[in-house]
């Protein structure tokens, strides 16, 4: 992960900071977008 995305203040467990949560949210949204794009592409291809 990016520098500053985690902190060790949680008793030795690397907890996500607000930056880490932001990056993780963006990765999830990017994955959902790619999945939707591929699903739509396949549906459009079947209609031809």
Protein backbone atom coordinates (compact mmCIF):
# COMPACT_ATOMS: atom_id res chain seq x y z
CA UNK A 1 0.00 0.00 0.00
CA UNK A 2 0.95 3.60 -0.24
CA UNK A 3 3.12 5.16 2.42
CA UNK A 4 0.95 6.52 5.22
CA UNK A 5 -1.99 4.25 4.36
CA UNK A 6 -1.64 2.19 7.56
CA UNK A 7 -0.77 2.91 11.17
CA UNK A 8 0.58 0.69 13.92
CA UNK A 9 -1.28 2.57 16.66
CA UNK A 10 -3.85 -0.23 16.94
CA UNK A 11 -1.76 -2.42 19.26
CA UNK A 12 0.64 -3.67 16.60
CA UNK A 13 -2.09 -4.39 14.07
CA UNK A 14 -1.74 -2.29 10.89
CA UNK A 15 -5.05 -0.41 10.84
CA UNK A 16 -6.08 1.63 7.80
CA UNK A 17 -5.83 5.39 8.03
CA UNK A 18 -8.28 7.66 6.23
CA UNK A 19 -5.88 7.65 3.25
CA UNK A 20 -5.87 3.84 3.21
CA UNK A 21 -9.66 3.70 3.40
CA UNK A 22 -9.88 6.17 0.52
CA UNK A 23 -7.52 4.09 -1.63
CA UNK A 24 -9.32 0.85 -0.81
CA UNK A 25 -12.68 2.42 -1.71
CA UNK A 26 -11.23 3.58 -5.04
CA UNK A 27 -9.92 0.09 -5.82
CA UNK A 28 -13.33 -1.44 -5.11
CA UNK A 29 -15.07 1.14 -7.33
CA UNK A 30 -12.54 0.56 -10.12
CA UNK A 31 -13.15 -3.19 -9.94
CA UNK A 32 -16.91 -2.70 -10.09
CA UNK A 33 -16.51 -0.40 -13.09
CA UNK A 34 -14.36 -2.90 -14.99
CA UNK A 35 -16.81 -5.70 -14.17
CA UNK A 36 -19.75 -3.60 -15.42
CA UNK A 37 -17.86 -2.67 -18.59
CA UNK A 38 -17.07 -6.29 -19.40
CA UNK A 39 -20.63 -7.42 -18.68
CA UNK A 40 -22.06 -4.66 -20.89
CA UNK A 41 -19.60 -5.48 -23.67
CA UNK A 42 -20.63 -9.13 -23.65
CA UNK A 43 -24.32 -8.20 -23.70
CA UNK A 44 -23.80 -5.83 -26.64
CA UNK A 45 -21.83 -8.49 -28.51
CA UNK A 46 -24.65 -11.02 -28.08
CA UNK A 47 -27.17 -8.58 -29.56
CA UNK A 48 -25.28 -8.32 -32.84
